[in-house]
Amino acid sequence: MLTLMLIAGGLSLYNAHKLNEAAENLEGRYSTLYKLFTSPSSDLDSEAGFGKEMVEQAVTIVGEQVKYNYTFLLVIVGAALLFGGMIAVLFPWKITRPVERLVKATQTVKKGDYSYRITGLEGTGEISTLAGSFNDMLSNIEDTHNSNLELLEQTKRFNETLREKIDEATLAIREQQNELIRAERLAIIGEFATRIAHEIKNPLSGITVALEIMRGKAGSEEQEHSITEVLKEVRRLDGILRDLLQLSVPKKMDFREIDPNEVVERSVILVRPRAEKKGVSLNVRHGASGPCRLDYEKCQQVLINLLINAIDSTEPGKGTVSVETETVDGALRITVQDDGSGIPQSEIEKIFEPFYSSKKQGTGLGLPISKKIIESHSGEITVSSEEGKGSQFTVIIPYTRRDEELTAKETGSA
């Protein structure tokens, strides 16, 4: 713009100079003409011819000057129009393009993308300064947003950890409550069993002896059969009493280095007739390696109880019961699995409670006693089951246990 004004000013000065020269030229010529007309010795004819020539020259000069001025005016007008057109095209583009970029930036940020930056507006103008400030603001917002996201993620992790800890603590408290309830029940059972043990056991022994004598003197097979059935019930009552005493009164544990595969094999031999009578297959797999400190008789009692329960839950003629021993993470693991009727989920937490049984003829003492025996080995017994598909009982006993722990259990104080 400034350059164009300087050019126009220069042309105007040049034009004024030309007009001044033409005026001086005309003034000199008209001065000469005036002298000629006023001179007395002048020849009129020659003077008239000279005057005509002077007038023609003056008209020619003025005409050329007018043409020059007209051309100059056209140049100025054309330049002004050209400059105006350039301004009309370039100036809005210079303004709208940065504004469009600013609008695009705000829309992008509105969608949550704080990494967007305005580029291509370098310079010293106000728009460039605004774009730089906008980019700085976006950088600050992005840093704050990232910090908030990191803080939110840390909060989520903390909440998840806290929730897990709360769940673990709640589960532990619930288990402790169940153990307390179980201990209270066992204490009541123990007190009850201790009080009636001598009152019932001695008469039962006498009744058993008397029935044996009567069976030997039976006069008919029908009488002998009836006495035998009564003997079975008396012995069942005696077994219940023994179970009550075993569940409530701690007994000395006889820990020895024993091959767990041997205990399993012996238990399977004892229950095989029951399985064959029902048409149930027994599969055994020995995978445990090395001896483990066990109470042979107590562990055999647990395995027999688990095997009998598995056999009883399967369908006659097509059931399968599997027993497997393994060494896993420094512990002995024994699993007893069947493909029987399974246990309802609502009953799984109750099966280790005293007197709870799903069998019509069951006492509800076998699994609680088994649990107590395994816990005396510093182990645990768990169950997983699905109705219609079967159950799996898992016994885990660590190979290495603290000496004082075993000593306490060997003396029957556990």
Protein backbone atom coordinates (compact mmCIF):
# COMPACT_ATOMS: atom_id res chain seq x y z
CA MET A 1 0.00 0.00 0.00
CA LEU A 2 2.79 2.41 0.96
CA THR A 3 4.72 1.54 -2.21
CA LEU A 4 1.72 2.26 -4.37
CA MET A 5 1.20 5.65 -2.68
CA LEU A 6 4.86 6.55 -3.24
CA ILE A 7 4.55 5.64 -6.92
CA ALA A 8 1.38 7.72 -7.30
CA GLY A 9 3.02 10.68 -5.52
CA GLY A 10 6.08 10.46 -7.74
CA LEU A 11 3.96 10.43 -10.88
CA SER A 12 2.00 13.47 -9.62
CA LEU A 13 5.19 15.45 -9.00
CA TYR A 14 6.48 14.47 -12.41
CA ASN A 15 3.21 15.58 -14.02
CA ALA A 16 3.29 18.93 -12.20
CA HIS A 17 6.85 19.46 -13.38
CA LYS A 18 5.82 18.77 -16.97
CA LEU A 19 2.88 21.19 -16.71
CA ASN A 20 5.20 23.86 -15.31
CA GLU A 21 7.61 23.41 -18.22
CA ALA A 22 4.73 23.67 -20.69
CA ALA A 23 3.44 26.83 -19.01
CA GLU A 24 6.88 28.43 -19.10
CA ASN A 25 7.23 27.49 -22.75
CA LEU A 26 3.86 28.99 -23.59
CA GLU A 27 4.63 32.09 -21.58
CA GLY A 28 7.87 32.62 -23.49
CA ARG A 29 6.20 32.08 -26.82
CA TYR A 30 3.30 34.45 -26.03
CA SER A 31 5.77 37.05 -24.80
CA THR A 32 7.61 36.88 -28.10
CA LEU A 33 4.33 37.05 -29.96
CA TYR A 34 3.26 40.08 -28.00
CA LYS A 35 6.53 41.88 -28.84
CA LEU A 36 6.12 41.13 -32.49
CA PHE A 37 2.58 42.45 -32.60
CA THR A 38 3.48 45.60 -30.77
CA SER A 39 6.66 46.30 -32.79
CA PRO A 40 6.03 49.13 -35.44
CA SER A 41 8.49 47.76 -37.86
CA SER A 42 6.91 44.42 -38.03
CA ASP A 43 5.68 43.01 -41.23
CA LEU A 44 2.01 42.12 -40.82
CA ASP A 45 2.14 39.15 -43.13
CA SER A 46 5.19 37.66 -41.56
CA GLU A 47 3.81 38.39 -38.13
CA ALA A 48 0.52 36.74 -38.95
CA GLY A 49 2.27 33.61 -40.18
CA PHE A 50 4.48 33.47 -37.16
CA GLY A 51 1.52 33.92 -34.81
CA LYS A 52 -0.34 31.12 -36.49
CA GLU A 53 2.64 28.86 -36.09
CA MET A 54 2.93 29.79 -32.43
CA VAL A 55 -0.75 29.06 -31.78
CA GLU A 56 -0.52 25.70 -33.51
CA GLN A 57 2.51 24.74 -31.44
CA ALA A 58 0.73 25.79 -28.25
CA VAL A 59 -2.34 23.73 -29.17
CA THR A 60 -0.11 20.73 -29.94
CA ILE A 61 1.69 21.03 -26.59
CA VAL A 62 -1.57 21.34 -24.68
CA GLY A 63 -3.04 18.36 -26.56
CA GLU A 64 -0.04 16.20 -25.78
CA GLN A 65 -0.23 17.23 -22.16
CA VAL A 66 -3.94 16.36 -22.03
CA LYS A 67 -3.22 12.94 -23.54
CA TYR A 68 -0.47 12.42 -21.03
CA ASN A 69 -2.73 13.40 -18.14
CA TYR A 70 -5.49 11.13 -19.43
CA THR A 71 -3.05 8.21 -19.74
CA PHE A 72 -1.74 8.94 -16.27
CA LEU A 73 -5.29 9.01 -14.92
CA LEU A 74 -6.05 5.65 -16.54
CA VAL A 75 -2.90 4.15 -15.04
CA ILE A 76 -3.80 5.45 -11.59
CA VAL A 77 -7.38 4.20 -11.86
CA GLY A 78 -6.23 0.79 -13.16
CA ALA A 79 -3.65 0.48 -10.41
CA ALA A 80 -6.26 1.45 -7.83
CA LEU A 81 -8.72 -1.11 -9.20
CA LEU A 82 -6.03 -3.81 -9.28
CA PHE A 83 -4.93 -3.02 -5.75
CA GLY A 84 -8.54 -2.92 -4.58
CA GLY A 85 -9.21 -6.31 -6.16
CA MET A 86 -6.14 -7.78 -4.51
CA ILE A 87 -7.24 -6.37 -1.18
CA ALA A 88 -10.76 -7.70 -1.71
CA VAL A 89 -9.39 -11.20 -2.40
CA LEU A 90 -6.38 -11.47 -0.10
CA PHE A 91 -7.58 -9.59 2.96
CA PRO A 92 -10.65 -11.79 3.69
CA TRP A 93 -8.58 -14.92 3.02
CA LYS A 94 -5.95 -13.69 5.45
CA ILE A 95 -8.65 -13.24 8.08
CA THR A 96 -11.02 -16.15 7.42
CA ARG A 97 -8.35 -18.86 7.14
CA PRO A 98 -6.96 -18.31 10.66
CA VAL A 99 -10.49 -17.95 12.04
CA GLU A 100 -11.51 -21.23 10.40
CA ARG A 101 -8.51 -22.93 11.97
CA LEU A 102 -9.45 -21.51 15.36
CA VAL A 103 -13.02 -22.76 14.93
CA LYS A 104 -11.75 -26.21 13.91
CA ALA A 105 -9.47 -26.27 16.95
CA THR A 106 -12.31 -25.43 19.34
CA GLN A 107 -14.54 -28.11 17.78
CA THR A 108 -11.77 -30.69 18.08
CA VAL A 109 -11.15 -29.80 21.71
CA LYS A 110 -14.89 -29.95 22.36
CA LYS A 111 -14.80 -33.61 21.28
CA GLY A 112 -12.12 -34.34 23.88
CA ASP A 113 -8.98 -34.30 21.72
CA TYR A 114 -6.61 -32.08 23.69
CA SER A 115 -3.57 -33.02 21.58
CA TYR A 116 -4.70 -30.86 18.63
CA ARG A 117 -2.54 -27.80 17.82
CA ILE A 118 -3.03 -24.86 15.41
CA THR A 119 -0.23 -24.76 12.81
CA GLY A 120 0.63 -22.61 9.80
CA LEU A 121 -0.11 -19.24 11.44
CA GLU A 122 3.43 -18.17 12.24
CA GLY A 123 4.07 -14.45 12.26
CA THR A 124 3.74 -11.36 14.41
CA GLY A 125 0.10 -10.46 13.85
CA GLU A 126 -2.73 -10.61 16.34
CA ILE A 127 -4.12 -13.84 14.86
CA SER A 128 -0.73 -15.52 15.20
CA THR A 129 -0.46 -14.35 18.80
CA LEU A 130 -3.96 -15.63 19.49
CA ALA A 131 -3.11 -19.00 17.94
CA GLY A 132 0.04 -19.27 20.06
CA SER A 133 -1.90 -18.45 23.22
CA PHE A 134 -4.56 -20.98 22.23
CA ASN A 135 -1.90 -23.68 21.74
CA ASP A 136 -0.37 -22.85 25.13
CA MET A 137 -3.80 -23.13 26.70
CA LEU A 138 -4.33 -26.51 25.03
CA SER A 139 -0.97 -27.72 26.34
CA ASN A 140 -1.96 -26.77 29.87
CA ILE A 141 -5.39 -28.37 29.47
CA GLU A 142 -3.82 -31.54 28.04
CA ASP A 143 -1.35 -31.78 30.92
CA THR A 144 -4.15 -31.28 33.43
CA HIS A 145 -6.36 -33.78 31.60
CA ASN A 146 -3.59 -36.40 31.54
CA SER A 147 -2.91 -35.81 35.22
CA ASN A 148 -6.61 -36.22 35.98
CA LEU A 149 -6.74 -39.42 33.93
CA GLU A 150 -3.72 -40.82 35.75
CA LEU A 151 -5.24 -39.83 39.09
CA LEU A 152 -8.54 -41.43 38.06
CA GLU A 153 -6.75 -44.62 37.06
CA GLN A 154 -4.88 -44.69 40.37
CA THR A 155 -8.16 -44.15 42.18
CA LYS A 156 -9.76 -47.02 40.26
CA ARG A 157 -6.84 -49.32 41.08
CA PHE A 158 -6.99 -48.28 44.71
CA ASN A 159 -10.74 -48.90 44.82
CA GLU A 160 -10.32 -52.30 43.20
CA THR A 161 -7.57 -53.22 45.64
CA LEU A 162 -9.64 -51.93 48.53
CA ARG A 163 -12.66 -53.87 47.31
CA GLU A 164 -10.57 -57.04 47.04
CA LYS A 165 -9.20 -56.52 50.54
CA ILE A 166 -12.70 -55.88 51.88
CA ASP A 167 -13.98 -59.02 50.14
CA GLU A 168 -11.07 -61.03 51.53
CA ALA A 169 -11.63 -59.63 55.01
CA THR A 170 -15.38 -60.26 54.76
CA LEU A 171 -14.76 -63.83 53.60
CA ALA A 172 -12.26 -64.39 56.39
CA ILE A 173 -14.69 -63.00 58.97
CA ARG A 174 -17.48 -65.16 57.58
CA GLU A 175 -15.25 -68.23 57.71
CA GLN A 176 -14.25 -67.39 61.26
CA GLN A 177 -17.88 -66.97 62.20
CA ASN A 178 -18.69 -70.32 60.64
CA GLU A 179 -15.78 -71.89 62.49
CA LEU A 180 -16.99 -70.36 65.74
CA ILE A 181 -20.49 -71.65 65.13
CA ARG A 182 -19.08 -75.04 64.21
CA ALA A 183 -16.88 -75.04 67.30
CA GLU A 184 -19.84 -74.16 69.49
CA ARG A 185 -21.86 -76.98 67.96
CA LEU A 186 -19.01 -79.40 68.41
CA ALA A 187 -18.64 -78.29 72.01
CA ILE A 188 -22.33 -78.95 72.61
CA ILE A 189 -22.07 -82.31 70.85
CA GLY A 190 -18.96 -83.15 72.84
CA GLU A 191 -20.62 -82.34 76.12
CA PHE A 192 -23.69 -84.33 75.09
CA ALA A 193 -21.64 -87.29 73.83
CA THR A 194 -19.46 -87.37 76.93
CA ARG A 195 -22.48 -87.41 79.25
CA ILE A 196 -24.34 -90.18 77.46
CA ALA A 197 -21.37 -92.24 76.25
CA HIS A 198 -21.14 -94.41 79.33
CA GLU A 199 -24.92 -94.46 79.78
CA ILE A 200 -25.52 -95.77 76.26
CA LYS A 201 -22.34 -97.63 75.33
CA ASN A 202 -22.47 -100.13 78.16
CA PRO A 203 -26.13 -101.07 77.58
CA LEU A 204 -25.48 -101.31 73.84
CA SER A 205 -22.61 -103.70 74.51
CA GLY A 206 -24.85 -105.83 76.70
CA ILE A 207 -27.63 -105.79 74.12
CA THR A 208 -25.17 -106.83 71.42
CA VAL A 209 -23.93 -109.80 73.46
CA ALA A 210 -27.47 -110.86 74.29
CA LEU A 211 -28.56 -110.66 70.66
CA GLU A 212 -25.56 -112.73 69.56
CA ILE A 213 -26.54 -115.42 72.07
CA MET A 214 -30.17 -115.29 70.96
CA ARG A 215 -29.18 -115.59 67.30
CA GLY A 216 -27.18 -118.70 68.12
CA LYS A 217 -30.23 -120.26 69.77
CA ALA A 218 -32.73 -119.16 67.15
CA GLY A 219 -35.25 -121.84 66.34
CA SER A 220 -35.84 -120.78 62.76
CA GLU A 221 -34.28 -118.83 59.93
CA GLU A 222 -36.95 -116.16 60.30
CA GLN A 223 -36.01 -115.61 63.95
CA GLU A 224 -32.32 -115.54 63.05
CA HIS A 225 -32.96 -112.98 60.30
CA SER A 226 -34.96 -110.75 62.65
CA ILE A 227 -32.24 -110.89 65.30
CA THR A 228 -29.61 -110.10 62.67
CA GLU A 229 -31.51 -106.97 61.58
CA VAL A 230 -31.75 -105.83 65.19
CA LEU A 231 -28.02 -106.42 65.60
CA LYS A 232 -27.35 -104.22 62.55
CA GLU A 233 -29.32 -101.37 64.10
CA VAL A 234 -27.58 -101.77 67.45
CA ARG A 235 -24.19 -101.72 65.75
CA ARG A 236 -25.30 -98.66 63.75
CA LEU A 237 -26.17 -96.90 66.99
CA ASP A 238 -22.81 -97.90 68.42
CA GLY A 239 -21.11 -96.49 65.31
CA ILE A 240 -22.98 -93.21 65.66
CA LEU A 241 -21.86 -92.98 69.27
CA ARG A 242 -18.25 -93.61 68.26
CA ASP A 243 -18.54 -90.93 65.58
CA LEU A 244 -19.92 -88.47 68.10
CA LEU A 245 -17.04 -89.10 70.45
CA GLN A 246 -14.51 -88.88 67.62
CA LEU A 247 -15.99 -85.60 66.39
CA SER A 248 -16.12 -83.95 69.80
CA VAL A 249 -13.22 -85.41 71.77
CA PRO A 250 -9.69 -84.91 70.34
CA LYS A 251 -7.72 -88.10 69.99
CA LYS A 252 -4.03 -88.69 69.71
CA MET A 253 -2.78 -88.70 66.13
CA ASP A 254 -0.31 -91.37 65.05
CA PHE A 255 1.79 -89.60 62.40
CA ARG A 256 4.21 -91.76 60.42
CA GLU A 257 6.06 -91.54 57.14
CA ILE A 258 3.62 -93.33 54.85
CA ASP A 259 3.27 -93.77 51.12
CA PRO A 260 -0.07 -92.07 50.32
CA ASN A 261 -0.55 -94.34 47.31
CA GLU A 262 -0.60 -97.31 49.68
CA VAL A 263 -3.37 -95.75 51.80
CA VAL A 264 -5.44 -95.05 48.69
CA GLU A 265 -4.93 -98.54 47.30
CA ARG A 266 -5.97 -100.17 50.59
CA SER A 267 -9.09 -97.98 50.84
CA VAL A 268 -10.11 -98.86 47.27
CA ILE A 269 -9.75 -102.58 48.03
CA LEU A 270 -12.08 -102.24 51.03
CA VAL A 271 -14.86 -100.45 49.08
CA ARG A 272 -14.52 -102.39 45.81
CA PRO A 273 -17.08 -105.06 46.79
CA ARG A 274 -19.64 -102.30 47.42
CA ALA A 275 -18.85 -100.76 44.02
CA GLU A 276 -19.05 -104.10 42.19
CA LYS A 277 -22.36 -104.88 43.84
CA LYS A 278 -23.79 -101.63 42.46
CA GLY A 279 -22.06 -101.97 39.08
CA VAL A 280 -19.85 -98.90 39.57
CA SER A 281 -16.37 -98.73 38.03
CA LEU A 282 -13.41 -97.70 40.20
CA ASN A 283 -10.45 -96.00 38.50
CA VAL A 284 -7.22 -95.32 40.40
CA ARG A 285 -4.25 -93.23 39.31
CA HIS A 286 -1.18 -92.87 41.51
CA GLY A 287 0.81 -89.71 40.79
CA ALA A 288 2.09 -88.74 44.24
CA SER A 289 5.82 -89.11 44.83
CA GLY A 290 7.49 -89.71 48.17
CA PRO A 291 6.17 -90.50 51.63
CA CYS A 292 4.14 -88.07 53.72
CA ARG A 293 3.60 -87.84 57.49
CA LEU A 294 0.08 -89.24 57.90
CA ASP A 295 -2.11 -91.04 60.38
CA TYR A 296 -2.73 -94.18 58.37
CA GLU A 297 -6.02 -95.25 59.98
CA LYS A 298 -7.50 -91.74 60.07
CA CYS A 299 -6.63 -91.05 56.42
CA GLN A 300 -8.05 -94.43 55.42
CA GLN A 301 -11.24 -93.55 57.29
CA VAL A 302 -11.51 -90.29 55.31
CA LEU A 303 -10.92 -92.01 51.96
CA ILE A 304 -13.40 -94.80 52.66
CA ASN A 305 -16.04 -92.24 53.63
CA LEU A 306 -15.44 -90.21 50.43
CA LEU A 307 -15.45 -93.34 48.25
CA ILE A 308 -18.67 -94.68 49.78
CA ASN A 309 -20.39 -91.32 49.29
CA ALA A 310 -19.22 -91.25 45.65
CA ILE A 311 -20.43 -94.81 44.99
CA ASP A 312 -23.80 -94.13 46.61
CA SER A 313 -24.38 -90.99 44.49
CA THR A 314 -23.86 -92.75 41.13
CA GLU A 315 -26.47 -94.61 39.11
CA PRO A 316 -26.35 -98.40 39.32
CA GLY A 317 -24.68 -100.16 36.44
CA LYS A 318 -23.09 -97.17 34.71
CA GLY A 319 -21.43 -94.98 37.31
CA THR A 320 -17.70 -94.26 37.53
CA VAL A 321 -15.63 -93.19 40.54
CA SER A 322 -12.03 -92.00 40.06
CA VAL A 323 -9.30 -91.60 42.67
CA GLU A 324 -6.06 -89.76 41.92
CA THR A 325 -3.00 -88.80 43.95
CA GLU A 326 -0.65 -85.96 42.95
CA THR A 327 2.19 -83.89 44.29
CA VAL A 328 1.40 -80.22 43.68
CA ASP A 329 3.41 -77.25 45.04
CA GLY A 330 4.95 -79.23 47.88
CA ALA A 331 1.67 -80.79 48.97
CA LEU A 332 -0.14 -84.10 48.61
CA ARG A 333 -3.38 -83.80 46.70
CA ILE A 334 -5.97 -86.59 46.62
CA THR A 335 -9.11 -86.21 44.52
CA VAL A 336 -12.20 -88.40 44.59
CA GLN A 337 -14.50 -87.73 41.65
CA ASP A 338 -17.80 -89.26 40.56
CA ASP A 339 -20.31 -88.74 37.75
CA GLY A 340 -23.33 -89.08 39.98
CA SER A 341 -26.24 -86.82 40.87
CA GLY A 342 -24.12 -84.01 42.27
CA ILE A 343 -24.84 -81.68 45.19
CA PRO A 344 -27.17 -78.67 44.96
CA GLN A 345 -25.34 -75.36 45.33
CA SER A 346 -27.55 -74.45 48.26
CA GLU A 347 -26.26 -77.49 50.19
CA ILE A 348 -22.54 -77.34 49.44
CA GLU A 349 -21.76 -75.03 52.36
CA LYS A 350 -23.75 -77.25 54.73
CA ILE A 351 -22.33 -80.70 53.95
CA PHE A 352 -19.49 -80.33 56.46
CA GLU A 353 -21.86 -79.36 59.27
CA PRO A 354 -22.62 -82.06 61.87
CA PHE A 355 -25.86 -84.02 61.37
CA TYR A 356 -26.47 -82.60 57.90
CA SER A 357 -26.92 -85.37 55.33
CA SER A 358 -28.59 -85.76 51.96
CA LYS A 359 -28.89 -89.52 52.49
CA LYS A 360 -31.96 -91.08 54.02
CA GLN A 361 -29.81 -93.45 56.09
CA GLY A 362 -26.99 -90.99 56.72
CA THR A 363 -26.02 -89.62 60.13
CA GLY A 364 -24.45 -86.42 58.84
CA LEU A 365 -21.21 -87.12 60.72
CA GLY A 366 -18.96 -88.67 58.05
CA LEU A 367 -17.88 -85.46 56.29
CA PRO A 368 -17.51 -83.37 59.49
CA ILE A 369 -15.27 -86.10 60.93
CA SER A 370 -13.29 -86.27 57.67
CA LYS A 371 -12.84 -82.49 57.75
CA LYS A 372 -11.61 -82.64 61.34
CA ILE A 373 -9.12 -85.40 60.51
CA ILE A 374 -7.69 -83.54 57.51
CA GLU A 375 -7.41 -80.32 59.52
CA SER A 376 -5.45 -82.32 62.11
CA HIS A 377 -2.96 -82.95 59.29
CA SER A 378 -2.71 -79.14 58.69
CA GLY A 379 -4.60 -79.74 55.46
CA GLU A 380 -7.94 -78.87 53.93
CA ILE A 381 -10.79 -80.63 52.17
CA THR A 382 -12.88 -78.89 49.52
CA VAL A 383 -15.72 -79.84 47.21
CA SER A 384 -16.92 -78.75 43.78
CA SER A 385 -20.14 -80.10 42.36
CA GLU A 386 -22.74 -79.63 39.65
CA GLU A 387 -26.16 -81.17 39.77
CA GLY A 388 -26.59 -83.98 37.28
CA LYS A 389 -22.86 -84.14 36.47
CA GLY A 390 -21.20 -85.27 39.67
CA SER A 391 -18.93 -84.08 42.47
CA GLN A 392 -15.22 -83.83 43.22
CA PHE A 393 -13.74 -83.84 46.72
CA THR A 394 -10.14 -82.65 47.02
CA VAL A 395 -7.87 -83.32 49.98
CA ILE A 396 -4.64 -81.31 50.28
CA ILE A 397 -2.03 -82.11 52.92
CA PRO A 398 1.35 -80.32 52.96
CA TYR A 399 4.43 -82.53 52.94
CA THR A 400 6.30 -80.14 55.24
CA ARG A 401 4.67 -78.99 58.47
CA ARG A 402 5.97 -77.33 61.61
CA ASP A 403 7.24 -79.75 64.22
CA GLU A 404 5.40 -78.04 67.10
CA GLU A 405 2.17 -78.19 65.09
CA LEU A 406 2.48 -81.91 64.54
CA THR A 407 3.48 -82.47 68.15
CA ALA A 408 0.36 -80.70 69.37
CA LYS A 409 -1.84 -82.79 67.12
CA GLU A 410 -0.08 -86.02 68.00
CA THR A 411 -0.91 -85.41 71.67
CA GLY A 412 -4.56 -84.75 70.81
CA SER A 413 -4.63 -81.07 71.82
CA ALA A 414 -5.62 -79.88 68.38
